[in-house]
Amino acid sequence: MRIAIIGAGYVGLTTGAALAYLGHHVICAENDGRKLAALRRGMCPIREPGVEEIVRDAGGRLLFTSEISEAVKADVIMIAVGTPSREDGSADLRYVEGAAREVAEAMSDGRRYTVVMKSTVPVGTNRRVRDMIGEILSERGSTAEFQVVSNPEFLSEGQALRDFLYPDRIVVGADGPEGLEIMRRMYLPILEQSFEPPVWLPRPANYTGPPLVATDPASAEMIKYAANAFLALKVSFINEIAVLCEKVGADVMEVARGIGLDPRIGPRFLQAGAGWGGSCFPKDTAALISLGRANGYEMPIVSAARLVNQRQRVHIVDKLENALDGLAGKIVGVMGIAFKPGTDDIRDAPSLDIMRLLARRGARVRAHDPAAMANARSVLDGLDVELCDDPYLMADGADALLLVTEWPEYKELDLNRIAGTMRTPVFLDGRNLMDSERARRAGFIYMGVGR
């Protein structure tokens, strides 16, 4: 099939490259000149395992352009632009509407198009985009025909290609059978698992393909928001339990293991730590609360999840301050800046709030990350944080280390060497990543979260 992707950001590029790998002919429209130039040179502007390889493997089936009018020559047009939060928490749809307007203005007479909403958007956006495109075509006197389909993404940073090629489900919201059939055809290699897996990303054992969830557009839009909100709730719940575990002498890791064995609960997203961040959970929970208010309905459970998440960041700093008997003048090394391992994304990363709190309380902050140093330099401009390219240098003479992002590289560090160079070997493991006994044997005063 001929597919256009409007927006070659994280979702758009991953989706476009994977669809091209499956055999479709894909053209991605991107208005960021620097990003477009990098893509045309074969360089991947995002850090995501496998994307650079799959872009390369797609070969001539994956093209890039700055002109939406060129991209709209396709049969399926996916809108995958950003929907950032407004000050009131609602989703800012200006980029979605701008893309839809340009698509409508470029549609050719006599052709039939399928416009797919890939961006995460509030309920009712499909209808809004459909009406907008219809009005523009009517004003132009165009005979082009179109339909709008909802197809939310469920890509987790750090494993986006795995999520795309071997998904838990594919959700399609369409007003009629034609839109559903076009999407089924597009995803057929994934539904039937008929493609040859990349050598570096083999098909999971016993995986036979995902269910296709066919529903109406409004329900598809709500599925995306509800899924992310529920996962955020789960993380906030275990973090709330973790704080109580510290107060009563229980171990949250044992508690999580015990409740996670219940199939009604499951073990995933029950890892206590410094809380959630990134480009999805913060934005989507805020948008869901705003959507509720716009419809005269409060969302106290989702609101509480956001409150607990922010409180958890403060709790981490409080815990370290108590351990050091004050933070003023103390050197604290922060291990991990990205919001999660496997990415350089620092959008709403817990580390940023934590470093700001540490600095506000008088600490001298150093920080290291295996991937996110460049992004951190731009965001932390003006904040007194020393960015260290070497974790060993970061720890030299420090009063404490605080692990915020669970990069597996940190588990391989020489803890004896690190503890021996610190002024006071305090280690607060904000993700319960390290082997506590190994850390203590190395000479650390080790603390976890909820333990």
Protein backbone atom coordinates (compact mmCIF):
# COMPACT_ATOMS: atom_id res chain seq x y z
CA MET A 1 0.00 0.00 0.00
CA ARG A 2 1.03 3.64 -0.42
CA ILE A 3 1.13 5.27 3.00
CA ALA A 4 1.95 8.82 4.06
CA ILE A 5 3.00 9.73 7.59
CA ILE A 6 2.54 13.37 8.60
CA GLY A 7 5.19 13.98 11.27
CA ALA A 8 8.45 12.03 11.52
CA GLY A 9 8.78 12.27 15.28
CA TYR A 10 9.04 9.37 17.68
CA VAL A 11 5.72 7.73 16.73
CA GLY A 12 5.70 8.78 13.07
CA LEU A 13 9.23 7.65 12.27
CA THR A 14 8.93 4.34 14.11
CA THR A 15 5.57 3.61 12.47
CA GLY A 16 6.68 4.66 9.00
CA ALA A 17 9.94 2.70 9.12
CA ALA A 18 8.19 -0.44 10.40
CA LEU A 19 5.45 -0.25 7.75
CA ALA A 20 8.10 0.14 5.06
CA TYR A 21 9.96 -2.85 6.46
CA LEU A 22 6.71 -4.85 6.10
CA GLY A 23 6.65 -4.04 2.37
CA HIS A 24 4.51 -0.90 2.11
CA HIS A 25 5.68 2.22 0.27
CA VAL A 26 5.91 4.99 2.88
CA ILE A 27 6.66 8.70 2.64
CA CYS A 28 7.10 10.74 5.82
CA ALA A 29 6.43 14.48 5.76
CA GLU A 30 8.48 16.48 8.28
CA ASN A 31 8.69 20.27 8.60
CA ASP A 32 11.72 20.35 10.91
CA GLY A 33 14.53 21.12 8.48
CA ARG A 34 17.36 19.73 10.63
CA LYS A 35 15.52 16.51 11.36
CA LEU A 36 14.58 16.10 7.70
CA ALA A 37 18.18 16.63 6.58
CA ALA A 38 19.40 14.03 9.07
CA LEU A 39 16.81 11.50 7.90
CA ARG A 40 17.74 12.01 4.28
CA ARG A 41 21.37 11.34 5.21
CA GLY A 42 20.32 8.07 6.79
CA MET A 43 20.79 9.35 10.34
CA CYS A 44 18.19 8.59 13.02
CA PRO A 45 17.23 11.72 15.02
CA ILE A 46 15.76 9.71 17.91
CA ARG A 47 17.37 7.17 20.20
CA GLU A 48 15.28 4.02 19.99
CA PRO A 49 16.69 0.49 19.71
CA GLY A 50 16.48 -0.85 16.16
CA VAL A 51 14.98 2.19 14.44
CA GLU A 52 18.19 3.12 12.66
CA GLU A 53 18.56 -0.46 11.44
CA ILE A 54 14.97 -0.76 10.25
CA VAL A 55 15.18 2.59 8.43
CA ARG A 56 18.22 1.22 6.64
CA ASP A 57 16.55 -2.13 5.88
CA ALA A 58 13.47 -0.35 4.45
CA GLY A 59 15.61 0.98 1.62
CA GLY A 60 13.78 2.76 -1.19
CA ARG A 61 10.35 1.97 0.31
CA LEU A 62 10.86 4.74 2.88
CA LEU A 63 11.15 8.34 1.66
CA PHE A 64 11.12 11.72 3.39
CA THR A 65 9.75 15.06 2.25
CA SER A 66 9.03 18.54 3.58
CA GLU A 67 5.89 18.88 1.47
CA ILE A 68 2.58 17.45 2.65
CA SER A 69 1.25 17.93 -0.88
CA GLU A 70 3.82 15.39 -2.07
CA ALA A 71 2.94 12.94 0.71
CA VAL A 72 -0.80 13.14 0.04
CA LYS A 73 -0.35 11.20 -3.19
CA ALA A 74 -0.73 8.14 -0.95
CA ASP A 75 -3.92 6.15 -0.31
CA VAL A 76 -3.59 6.10 3.48
CA ILE A 77 -2.54 9.30 5.27
CA MET A 78 -1.53 8.97 8.92
CA ILE A 79 -1.40 12.06 11.11
CA ALA A 80 1.27 11.49 13.77
CA VAL A 81 2.07 14.96 15.08
CA GLY A 82 2.43 16.07 18.69
CA THR A 83 -0.43 16.96 21.01
CA PRO A 84 1.28 18.79 23.89
CA SER A 85 -0.53 19.89 27.02
CA ARG A 86 -1.99 23.36 27.38
CA GLU A 87 -1.70 25.18 30.70
CA ASP A 88 -5.08 23.79 31.79
CA GLY A 89 -3.99 20.22 30.99
CA SER A 90 -6.09 19.89 27.84
CA ALA A 91 -4.50 18.57 24.66
CA ASP A 92 -3.27 21.24 22.26
CA LEU A 93 -4.62 20.19 18.86
CA ARG A 94 -3.14 22.98 16.77
CA TYR A 95 -0.62 20.63 15.08
CA VAL A 96 -3.29 18.02 14.37
CA GLU A 97 -5.61 20.63 12.92
CA GLY A 98 -2.79 22.22 10.93
CA ALA A 99 -1.84 18.86 9.43
CA ALA A 100 -5.47 18.03 8.63
CA ARG A 101 -5.90 21.41 6.94
CA GLU A 102 -2.82 20.91 4.76
CA VAL A 103 -3.92 17.39 3.88
CA ALA A 104 -7.37 18.62 2.84
CA GLU A 105 -5.91 21.41 0.72
CA ALA A 106 -3.66 18.90 -1.10
CA MET A 107 -6.30 16.23 -1.83
CA SER A 108 -6.86 15.59 -5.53
CA ASP A 109 -10.28 15.59 -7.20
CA GLY A 110 -11.84 12.22 -7.87
CA ARG A 111 -9.66 10.29 -5.43
CA ARG A 112 -10.65 8.41 -2.25
CA TYR A 113 -8.48 8.85 0.83
CA THR A 114 -8.28 7.23 4.26
CA VAL A 115 -7.04 9.65 6.91
CA VAL A 116 -5.78 7.89 10.02
CA MET A 117 -5.45 9.60 13.39
CA LYS A 118 -2.29 8.15 14.97
CA SER A 119 -1.73 11.04 17.36
CA THR A 120 -3.10 10.68 20.86
CA VAL A 121 -6.17 12.91 20.82
CA PRO A 122 -9.23 13.58 23.00
CA VAL A 123 -12.53 11.89 22.29
CA GLY A 124 -14.29 13.71 19.48
CA THR A 125 -11.15 14.69 17.55
CA ASN A 126 -11.88 12.25 14.72
CA ARG A 127 -15.24 13.91 14.19
CA ARG A 128 -13.65 17.35 14.43
CA VAL A 129 -11.02 16.49 11.81
CA ARG A 130 -13.63 14.89 9.56
CA ASP A 131 -15.75 18.05 9.66
CA MET A 132 -12.73 20.28 9.03
CA ILE A 133 -11.58 18.32 5.99
CA GLY A 134 -15.14 18.18 4.66
CA GLU A 135 -15.54 21.96 4.96
CA ILE A 136 -12.25 22.65 3.18
CA LEU A 137 -13.10 20.27 0.34
CA SER A 138 -16.51 21.88 0.03
CA GLU A 139 -14.97 25.37 -0.11
CA ARG A 140 -12.60 24.17 -2.82
CA GLY A 141 -15.42 22.53 -4.74
CA SER A 142 -13.33 19.37 -4.70
CA THR A 143 -14.71 15.95 -5.65
CA ALA A 144 -12.18 14.16 -3.44
CA GLU A 145 -13.71 11.64 -1.03
CA PHE A 146 -12.32 10.63 2.34
CA GLN A 147 -12.92 8.83 5.61
CA VAL A 148 -11.26 9.34 9.00
CA VAL A 149 -10.18 6.34 11.08
CA SER A 150 -8.77 6.21 14.61
CA ASN A 151 -5.73 3.98 15.14
CA PRO A 152 -4.06 4.85 18.47
CA GLU A 153 -0.46 3.83 19.07
CA PHE A 154 0.74 1.76 22.02
CA LEU A 155 4.50 2.14 21.63
CA SER A 156 6.65 2.07 24.73
CA GLU A 157 9.93 3.96 24.44
CA GLY A 158 12.87 1.61 24.57
CA GLN A 159 10.91 -1.21 22.92
CA ALA A 160 8.81 0.59 20.31
CA LEU A 161 9.64 -1.72 17.41
CA ARG A 162 8.86 -4.79 19.48
CA ASP A 163 5.53 -3.20 20.40
CA PHE A 164 4.80 -2.42 16.74
CA LEU A 165 5.77 -5.74 15.18
CA TYR A 166 4.52 -7.97 18.03
CA PRO A 167 1.70 -5.93 19.61
CA ASP A 168 -0.74 -6.93 22.35
CA ARG A 169 -3.58 -5.60 20.18
CA ILE A 170 -4.32 -3.33 17.25
CA VAL A 171 -7.19 -0.90 17.83
CA VAL A 172 -9.13 0.56 14.91
CA GLY A 173 -12.04 2.95 15.30
CA ALA A 174 -14.01 3.30 12.07
CA ASP A 175 -17.50 4.46 11.16
CA GLY A 176 -17.94 1.75 8.55
CA PRO A 177 -16.54 -1.50 7.15
CA GLU A 178 -14.43 0.17 4.45
CA GLY A 179 -12.12 1.93 6.90
CA LEU A 180 -11.74 -1.23 8.97
CA GLU A 181 -10.90 -3.31 5.91
CA ILE A 182 -8.23 -0.86 4.73
CA MET A 183 -6.57 -0.93 8.14
CA ARG A 184 -6.81 -4.71 8.25
CA ARG A 185 -5.04 -4.89 4.90
CA MET A 186 -2.34 -2.50 6.08
CA TYR A 187 -1.68 -4.53 9.23
CA LEU A 188 -2.13 -7.94 7.61
CA PRO A 189 1.58 -8.91 7.86
CA ILE A 190 1.40 -8.25 11.61
CA LEU A 191 -2.01 -9.84 12.13
CA GLU A 192 -0.86 -13.01 10.37
CA GLN A 193 2.82 -12.66 11.39
CA SER A 194 3.72 -13.43 7.79
CA PHE A 195 6.79 -11.16 7.65
CA GLU A 196 10.38 -12.27 8.16
CA PRO A 197 11.45 -10.93 11.58
CA PRO A 198 14.56 -8.77 11.78
CA VAL A 199 17.53 -10.86 12.89
CA TRP A 200 18.07 -8.48 15.80
CA LEU A 201 14.41 -8.62 16.90
CA PRO A 202 13.17 -12.21 16.67
CA ARG A 203 9.52 -13.13 17.05
CA PRO A 204 8.70 -13.95 20.69
CA ALA A 205 8.21 -17.62 21.47
CA ASN A 206 4.60 -18.80 21.02
CA TYR A 207 3.52 -15.42 19.60
CA THR A 208 0.96 -15.95 16.84
CA GLY A 209 -0.40 -12.46 16.26
CA PRO A 210 -2.53 -9.78 17.93
CA PRO A 211 -6.30 -9.40 18.11
CA LEU A 212 -7.80 -6.65 15.98
CA VAL A 213 -10.09 -4.55 18.16
CA ALA A 214 -12.68 -3.07 15.81
CA THR A 215 -14.76 -0.32 17.39
CA ASP A 216 -16.11 3.19 16.82
CA PRO A 217 -13.76 6.20 16.67
CA ALA A 218 -14.78 7.66 20.05
CA SER A 219 -14.18 4.36 21.84
CA ALA A 220 -10.80 3.95 20.11
CA GLU A 221 -9.77 7.42 21.26
CA MET A 222 -10.86 6.60 24.81
CA ILE A 223 -9.03 3.25 24.82
CA LYS A 224 -5.70 5.05 24.40
CA TYR A 225 -6.31 7.49 27.25
CA ALA A 226 -7.77 4.83 29.54
CA ALA A 227 -4.84 2.46 28.96
CA ASN A 228 -2.21 5.04 29.83
CA ALA A 229 -4.19 6.32 32.81
CA PHE A 230 -4.57 2.80 34.21
CA LEU A 231 -0.84 2.09 33.91
CA ALA A 232 -0.07 5.40 35.61
CA LEU A 233 -2.51 4.46 38.39
CA LYS A 234 -0.74 1.15 38.87
CA VAL A 235 2.68 2.77 39.28
CA SER A 236 1.34 5.42 41.65
CA PHE A 237 -0.45 2.78 43.69
CA ILE A 238 2.68 0.73 44.31
CA ASN A 239 4.64 3.90 45.13
CA GLU A 240 2.02 4.87 47.70
CA ILE A 241 2.25 1.37 49.18
CA ALA A 242 6.06 1.67 49.15
CA VAL A 243 6.04 4.73 51.40
CA LEU A 244 3.74 2.95 53.84
CA CYS A 245 6.03 -0.11 53.72
CA GLU A 246 8.91 2.07 54.87
CA LYS A 247 6.86 3.31 57.81
CA VAL A 248 5.68 -0.12 58.99
CA GLY A 249 8.79 -2.18 58.18
CA ALA A 250 7.54 -4.15 55.18
CA ASP A 251 9.36 -4.75 51.88
CA VAL A 252 7.47 -3.39 48.87
CA MET A 253 9.29 -5.77 46.53
CA GLU A 254 7.86 -8.71 48.45
CA VAL A 255 4.46 -7.05 48.52
CA ALA A 256 4.56 -6.43 44.76
CA ARG A 257 5.60 -10.01 44.13
CA GLY A 258 2.77 -11.31 46.31
CA ILE A 259 0.02 -9.24 44.74
CA GLY A 260 1.44 -9.50 41.21
CA LEU A 261 0.92 -13.26 41.20
CA ASP A 262 -2.81 -12.61 41.30
CA PRO A 263 -3.82 -12.83 37.61
CA ARG A 264 -6.37 -10.09 38.18
CA ILE A 265 -3.50 -7.73 39.07
CA GLY A 266 -0.38 -9.01 37.29
CA PRO A 267 3.26 -8.07 37.99
CA ARG A 268 3.86 -5.41 35.33
CA PHE A 269 4.04 -1.75 36.39
CA LEU A 270 4.35 -2.72 40.06
CA GLN A 271 7.95 -1.55 40.43
CA ALA A 272 8.24 1.06 43.16
CA GLY A 273 10.59 3.94 42.56
CA ALA A 274 10.83 7.62 41.75
CA GLY A 275 7.61 7.73 39.73
CA TRP A 276 6.62 8.01 36.10
CA GLY A 277 7.39 10.64 33.49
CA GLY A 278 7.92 10.83 29.76
CA SER A 279 5.84 12.06 26.87
CA CYS A 280 2.68 10.00 27.48
CA PHE A 281 1.56 9.42 31.08
CA PRO A 282 1.83 13.05 32.29
CA LYS A 283 0.22 14.50 29.17
CA ASP A 284 -2.48 11.88 28.76
CA THR A 285 -3.61 11.82 32.40
CA ALA A 286 -3.84 15.62 32.35
CA ALA A 287 -5.84 15.51 29.12
CA LEU A 288 -8.21 12.87 30.53
CA ILE A 289 -8.90 15.00 33.61
CA SER A 290 -9.47 18.04 31.37
CA LEU A 291 -11.80 16.03 29.14
CA GLY A 292 -13.80 14.99 32.17
CA ARG A 293 -14.13 18.56 33.40
CA ALA A 294 -15.19 19.74 29.95
CA ASN A 295 -18.02 17.23 30.22
CA GLY A 296 -18.95 18.13 33.80
CA TYR A 297 -17.28 15.11 35.39
CA GLU A 298 -14.36 15.06 37.82
CA MET A 299 -11.74 12.27 37.70
CA PRO A 300 -10.55 11.96 41.34
CA ILE A 301 -8.72 8.65 40.90
CA VAL A 302 -6.64 9.86 37.95
CA SER A 303 -6.03 13.16 39.75
CA ALA A 304 -4.78 11.27 42.80
CA ALA A 305 -2.38 9.25 40.64
CA ARG A 306 -0.81 12.49 39.42
CA LEU A 307 -0.61 13.86 42.97
CA VAL A 308 1.08 10.70 44.29
CA ASN A 309 3.53 10.78 41.39
CA GLN A 310 4.65 14.31 42.20
CA ARG A 311 4.77 13.53 45.91
CA GLN A 312 7.03 10.55 45.24
CA ARG A 313 9.72 12.81 43.80
CA VAL A 314 9.65 14.93 46.95
CA HIS A 315 9.72 11.77 49.10
CA ILE A 316 12.92 10.62 47.40
CA VAL A 317 14.63 13.94 48.20
CA ASP A 318 13.29 13.95 51.77
CA LYS A 319 14.64 10.44 52.27
CA LEU A 320 18.11 11.47 51.11
CA GLU A 321 18.05 14.65 53.18
CA ASN A 322 17.27 12.64 56.32
CA ALA A 323 20.05 10.18 55.57
CA LEU A 324 22.61 12.99 55.17
CA ASP A 325 21.29 15.07 58.08
CA GLY A 326 20.66 17.94 55.69
CA LEU A 327 21.55 18.67 52.08
CA ALA A 328 23.16 22.10 52.32
CA GLY A 329 26.68 21.93 50.92
CA LYS A 330 26.46 18.18 50.27
CA ILE A 331 27.56 16.73 46.93
CA VAL A 332 24.91 14.44 45.43
CA GLY A 333 25.51 12.41 42.29
CA VAL A 334 22.35 11.65 40.30
CA MET A 335 22.56 8.46 38.25
CA GLY A 336 20.21 8.64 35.28
CA ILE A 337 18.48 11.63 33.68
CA ALA A 338 16.26 10.07 30.97
CA PHE A 339 12.75 9.27 32.14
CA LYS A 340 13.41 5.56 31.50
CA PRO A 341 16.32 3.43 30.26
CA GLY A 342 16.79 2.79 26.57
CA THR A 343 15.97 6.35 25.49
CA ASP A 344 17.39 9.85 25.60
CA ASP A 345 13.93 11.34 26.23
CA ILE A 346 13.88 13.63 29.26
CA ARG A 347 10.34 15.00 28.87
CA ASP A 348 8.90 15.30 32.40
CA ALA A 349 11.64 12.99 33.68
CA PRO A 350 11.53 12.53 37.48
CA SER A 351 15.25 13.35 37.55
CA LEU A 352 14.60 16.96 36.53
CA ASP A 353 12.29 17.71 39.45
CA ILE A 354 14.56 15.79 41.81
CA MET A 355 17.65 17.76 40.74
CA ARG A 356 15.76 21.04 41.08
CA LEU A 357 14.64 20.07 44.59
CA LEU A 358 18.16 19.03 45.57
CA ALA A 359 19.58 22.34 44.33
CA ARG A 360 16.83 24.30 46.06
CA ARG A 361 17.75 22.65 49.33
CA GLY A 362 21.38 23.60 48.98
CA ALA A 363 22.94 20.46 47.52
CA ARG A 364 25.70 20.54 44.92
CA VAL A 365 24.33 18.33 42.18
CA ARG A 366 26.25 16.20 39.71
CA ALA A 367 24.53 14.02 37.12
CA HIS A 368 25.28 11.29 34.60
CA ASP A 369 23.27 9.43 31.96
CA PRO A 370 24.39 6.95 29.29
CA ALA A 371 22.28 8.61 26.57
CA ALA A 372 20.55 11.82 27.65
CA MET A 373 23.48 14.16 28.40
CA ALA A 374 23.01 16.29 25.29
CA ASN A 375 19.29 16.79 25.93
CA ALA A 376 19.97 17.50 29.60
CA ARG A 377 22.42 20.30 28.79
CA SER A 378 19.73 22.30 27.03
CA VAL A 379 17.02 21.68 29.64
CA LEU A 380 19.21 22.26 32.71
CA ASP A 381 20.65 25.51 31.40
CA GLY A 382 20.59 27.96 34.31
CA LEU A 383 20.42 25.27 37.00
CA ASP A 384 23.64 24.62 38.91
CA VAL A 385 24.11 20.97 37.91
CA GLU A 386 27.47 19.55 36.89
CA LEU A 387 27.04 17.03 34.08
CA CYS A 388 29.65 14.27 34.23
CA ASP A 389 30.49 12.03 31.30
CA ASP A 390 32.00 9.42 33.62
CA PRO A 391 29.98 7.96 36.54
CA TYR A 392 33.18 7.28 38.47
CA LEU A 393 34.20 10.93 38.28
CA MET A 394 30.69 11.92 39.32
CA ALA A 395 31.03 9.82 42.49
CA ASP A 396 34.52 11.06 43.41
CA GLY A 397 34.24 12.98 46.68
CA ALA A 398 30.42 12.84 46.72
CA ASP A 399 28.37 12.55 49.89
CA ALA A 400 25.67 10.44 48.28
CA LEU A 401 24.58 8.78 45.07
CA LEU A 402 20.96 8.77 43.99
CA LEU A 403 19.93 6.34 41.25
CA VAL A 404 16.90 7.73 39.38
CA THR A 405 16.89 5.87 36.04
CA GLU A 406 17.38 2.09 36.03
CA TRP A 407 19.95 1.87 33.24
CA PRO A 408 21.36 -1.70 33.22
CA GLU A 409 24.84 -0.18 32.76
CA TYR A 410 24.74 0.96 36.37
CA LYS A 411 24.49 -2.63 37.59
CA GLU A 412 27.88 -3.30 35.98
CA LEU A 413 29.74 -0.53 37.81
CA ASP A 414 32.57 -1.37 40.21
CA LEU A 415 30.83 -0.54 43.48
CA ASN A 416 33.96 -1.09 45.57
CA ARG A 417 35.83 1.47 43.50
CA ILE A 418 32.96 3.97 43.72
CA ALA A 419 32.42 3.62 47.47
CA GLY A 420 36.15 4.03 48.07
CA THR A 421 36.25 7.45 46.39
CA MET A 422 33.18 8.96 48.08
CA ARG A 423 33.26 11.24 51.10
CA THR A 424 30.34 9.35 52.65
CA PRO A 425 29.19 6.22 50.79
CA VAL A 426 25.42 6.76 50.94
CA PHE A 427 23.52 5.13 48.09
CA LEU A 428 19.79 5.77 47.59
CA ASP A 429 18.52 3.36 44.95
CA GLY A 430 15.48 5.17 43.60
CA ARG A 431 14.50 2.20 41.40
CA ASN A 432 15.49 -0.78 43.58
CA LEU A 433 17.83 -1.77 40.76
CA MET A 434 20.93 -2.82 42.61
CA ASP A 435 21.64 -5.93 44.64
CA SER A 436 21.37 -4.48 48.14
CA GLU A 437 23.72 -7.04 49.71
CA ARG A 438 26.35 -6.46 47.03
CA ALA A 439 26.12 -2.72 47.63
CA ARG A 440 26.50 -3.14 51.38
CA ARG A 441 29.47 -5.46 50.97
CA ALA A 442 31.11 -2.77 48.84
CA GLY A 443 30.83 -0.41 51.79
CA PHE A 444 27.70 1.53 50.93
CA ILE A 445 25.04 2.69 53.31
CA TYR A 446 22.33 1.37 51.00
CA MET A 447 18.68 2.47 50.90
CA GLY A 448 15.99 1.38 48.50
CA VAL A 449 12.40 2.60 48.03
CA GLY A 450 9.75 0.90 50.13
CA ARG A 451 12.27 -1.42 51.78
